[in-house]
C-alpha atoms as a PDB file:
ATOM      1  CA  MET A   1       0.315   0.060  -0.080  1.00  0.00           C
ATOM      2  CA  ASN A   2       2.611   2.364   0.921  1.00  0.00           C
ATOM      3  CA  PHE A   3       4.802   1.283  -2.515  1.00  0.00           C
ATOM      4  CA  GLN A   4       1.423   2.733  -4.339  1.00  0.00           C
ATOM      5  CA  LEU A   5       1.017   5.708  -3.046  1.00  0.00           C
ATOM      6  CA  GLY A   6       5.028   6.507  -3.295  1.00  0.00           C
ATOM      7  CA  VAL A   7       4.872   5.728  -6.786  1.00  0.00           C
ATOM      8  CA  LEU A   8       1.241   7.676  -7.440  1.00  0.00           C
ATOM      9  CA  LEU A   9       2.820  11.031  -5.582  1.00  0.00           C
ATOM     10  CA  ILE A  10       5.997  10.722  -7.677  1.00  0.00           C
ATOM     11  CA  VAL A  11       3.974   9.933 -11.229  1.00  0.00           C
ATOM     12  CA  GLU A  12       1.615  13.338 -10.012  1.00  0.00           C
ATOM     13  CA  LEU A  13       5.514  15.604  -8.989  1.00  0.00           C
ATOM     14  CA  VAL A  14       6.583  14.181 -12.860  1.00  0.00           C
ATOM     15  CA  LEU A  15       3.932  15.654 -14.763  1.00  0.00           C
ATOM     16  CA  LEU A  16       3.504  18.969 -12.903  1.00  0.00           C
ATOM     17  CA  MET A  17       6.924  19.172 -13.952  1.00  0.00           C
ATOM     18  CA  VAL A  18       6.244  18.404 -16.865  1.00  0.00           C
ATOM     19  CA  LYS A  19       3.321  20.847 -17.095  1.00  0.00           C
ATOM     20  CA  VAL A  20       5.296  23.574 -15.252  1.00  0.00           C
ATOM     21  CA  PHE A  21       8.396  23.144 -18.387  1.00  0.00           C
ATOM     22  CA  ALA A  22       5.783  23.734 -21.124  1.00  0.00           C
ATOM     23  CA  PHE A  23       4.059  26.286 -19.532  1.00  0.00           C
ATOM     24  CA  VAL A  24       7.431  28.465 -19.049  1.00  0.00           C
ATOM     25  CA  ASN A  25       9.028  26.987 -22.449  1.00  0.00           C
ATOM     26  CA  SER A  26       5.607  28.907 -23.909  1.00  0.00           C
ATOM     27  CA  LEU A  27       6.776  31.823 -22.710  1.00  0.00           C
ATOM     28  CA  MET A  28       9.716  32.035 -23.737  1.00  0.00           C
ATOM     29  CA  TRP A  29       8.967  32.146 -27.228  1.00  0.00           C
ATOM     30  CA  SER A  30       8.033  35.722 -29.055  1.00  0.00           C
ATOM     31  CA  ALA A  31       3.568  35.867 -30.626  1.00  0.00           C
ATOM     32  CA  GLU A  32       5.445  35.710 -33.890  1.00  0.00           C
ATOM     33  CA  ALA A  33       7.277  32.470 -33.997  1.00  0.00           C
ATOM     34  CA  TYR A  34       4.065  30.494 -33.001  1.00  0.00           C
ATOM     35  CA  SER A  35       2.565  32.458 -35.689  1.00  0.00           C
ATOM     36  CA  ALA A  36       5.379  31.695 -38.244  1.00  0.00           C
ATOM     37  CA  ALA A  37       5.420  27.984 -37.144  1.00  0.00           C
ATOM     38  CA  ASN A  38       1.466  27.810 -38.034  1.00  0.00           C
ATOM     39  CA  LYS A  39       0.479  26.379 -34.784  1.00  0.00           C
ATOM     40  CA  LEU A  40      -1.847  27.842 -31.813  1.00  0.00           C
ATOM     41  CA  THR A  41      -1.199  31.057 -30.598  1.00  0.00           C
ATOM     42  CA  LYS A  42       0.943  32.557 -27.984  1.00  0.00           C
ATOM     43  CA  PRO A  43      -2.128  33.530 -25.550  1.00  0.00           C
ATOM     44  CA  ALA A  44      -4.581  30.434 -26.270  1.00  0.00           C
ATOM     45  CA  TRP A  45      -1.251  28.079 -25.477  1.00  0.00           C
ATOM     46  CA  THR A  46      -0.194  29.845 -22.254  1.00  0.00           C
ATOM     47  CA  ILE A  47      -3.633  29.763 -20.733  1.00  0.00           C
ATOM     48  CA  ILE A  48      -3.963  25.770 -21.582  1.00  0.00           C
ATOM     49  CA  LEU A  49      -0.869  25.295 -20.076  1.00  0.00           C
ATOM     50  CA  GLY A  50      -0.875  27.422 -17.388  1.00  0.00           C
ATOM     51  CA  LEU A  51      -4.650  26.420 -16.722  1.00  0.00           C
ATOM     52  CA  GLY A  52      -3.090  22.997 -16.366  1.00  0.00           C
ATOM     53  CA  VAL A  53      -0.423  23.799 -13.931  1.00  0.00           C
ATOM     54  CA  ALA A  54      -3.165  26.019 -11.795  1.00  0.00           C
ATOM     55  CA  VAL A  55      -6.253  22.644 -11.889  1.00  0.00           C
ATOM     56  CA  HIS A  56      -2.512  20.193 -10.602  1.00  0.00           C
ATOM     57  CA  LEU A  57      -2.314  22.844  -8.025  1.00  0.00           C
ATOM     58  CA  VAL A  58      -5.320  23.536  -7.186  1.00  0.00           C
ATOM     59  CA  PHE A  59      -7.417  20.764  -7.548  1.00  0.00           C
ATOM     60  CA  GLY A  60      -4.878  17.818  -7.466  1.00  0.00           C
ATOM     61  CA  GLY A  61      -7.079  14.611  -7.842  1.00  0.00           C
ATOM     62  CA  GLY A  62      -3.932  12.231  -8.578  1.00  0.00           C
ATOM     63  CA  PRO A  63      -2.598  11.668 -12.363  1.00  0.00           C
ATOM     64  CA  ILE A  64      -5.803   9.507 -13.730  1.00  0.00           C
ATOM     65  CA  SER A  65      -8.102  12.079 -13.074  1.00  0.00           C
ATOM     66  CA  LEU A  66     -10.098  13.698 -16.437  1.00  0.00           C
ATOM     67  CA  LEU A  67      -9.033  17.063 -16.064  1.00  0.00           C
ATOM     68  CA  ASN A  68      -5.594  16.799 -15.009  1.00  0.00           C
ATOM     69  CA  LEU A  69      -4.880  13.926 -17.970  1.00  0.00           C
ATOM     70  CA  VAL A  70      -7.003  16.357 -20.371  1.00  0.00           C
ATOM     71  CA  PHE A  71      -3.971  18.967 -19.394  1.00  0.00           C
ATOM     72  CA  THR A  72      -1.381  16.231 -19.459  1.00  0.00           C
ATOM     73  CA  ILE A  73      -2.274  15.398 -22.955  1.00  0.00           C
ATOM     74  CA  ALA A  74      -2.097  19.038 -23.809  1.00  0.00           C
ATOM     75  CA  ALA A  75       0.884  19.778 -22.215  1.00  0.00           C
ATOM     76  CA  PHE A  76       2.601  16.285 -23.894  1.00  0.00           C
ATOM     77  CA  VAL A  77       1.117  17.999 -27.443  1.00  0.00           C
ATOM     78  CA  TYR A  78       2.694  21.166 -27.279  1.00  0.00           C
ATOM     79  CA  LEU A  79       6.442  19.430 -26.236  1.00  0.00           C
ATOM     80  CA  ALA A  80       5.919  17.114 -28.957  1.00  0.00           C
ATOM     81  CA  ASP A  81       4.819  19.158 -31.949  1.00  0.00           C
ATOM     82  CA  VAL A  82       4.893  23.026 -30.897  1.00  0.00           C
ATOM     83  CA  ARG A  83       8.116  23.430 -29.087  1.00  0.00           C
ATOM     84  CA  PRO A  84      10.030  21.731 -32.412  1.00  0.00           C
ATOM     85  CA  ALA A  85       8.268  23.244 -34.548  1.00  0.00           C
ATOM     86  CA  LEU A  86       9.450  26.764 -33.117  1.00  0.00           C
ATOM     87  CA  ALA A  87      12.854  25.516 -32.072  1.00  0.00           C
ATOM     88  CA  ASN A  88      13.551  24.594 -35.798  1.00  0.00           C
ATOM     89  CA  LEU A  89      12.633  28.809 -36.755  1.00  0.00           C
ATOM     90  CA  THR A  90      15.658  29.926 -34.831  1.00  0.00           C
ATOM     91  CA  ARG A  91      17.848  27.303 -35.928  1.00  0.00           C
ATOM     92  CA  ARG A  92      17.375  27.803 -39.926  1.00  0.00           C
ATOM     93  CA  ARG A  93      18.236  31.532 -39.703  1.00  0.00           C
END
């Protein structure tokens, strides 16, 4: 029982760190970069990712709750799709 609680706590902390990293990273790019990469706007991504961090901190709910799952998927989409597209823009110059 304690092992399961420990694993769930670790998973929850890792998911929080992923969301925080994605949110902070989304703030580091200019709004023009999002447009140039043909992605959702900077305000949209920062709101989505910021809400994800806020929901995780306020409601918690474990890694399997529906809201937590939705915002975790959003963070992974940002990290897997948007962030590389933004990074490619700066490498080409």
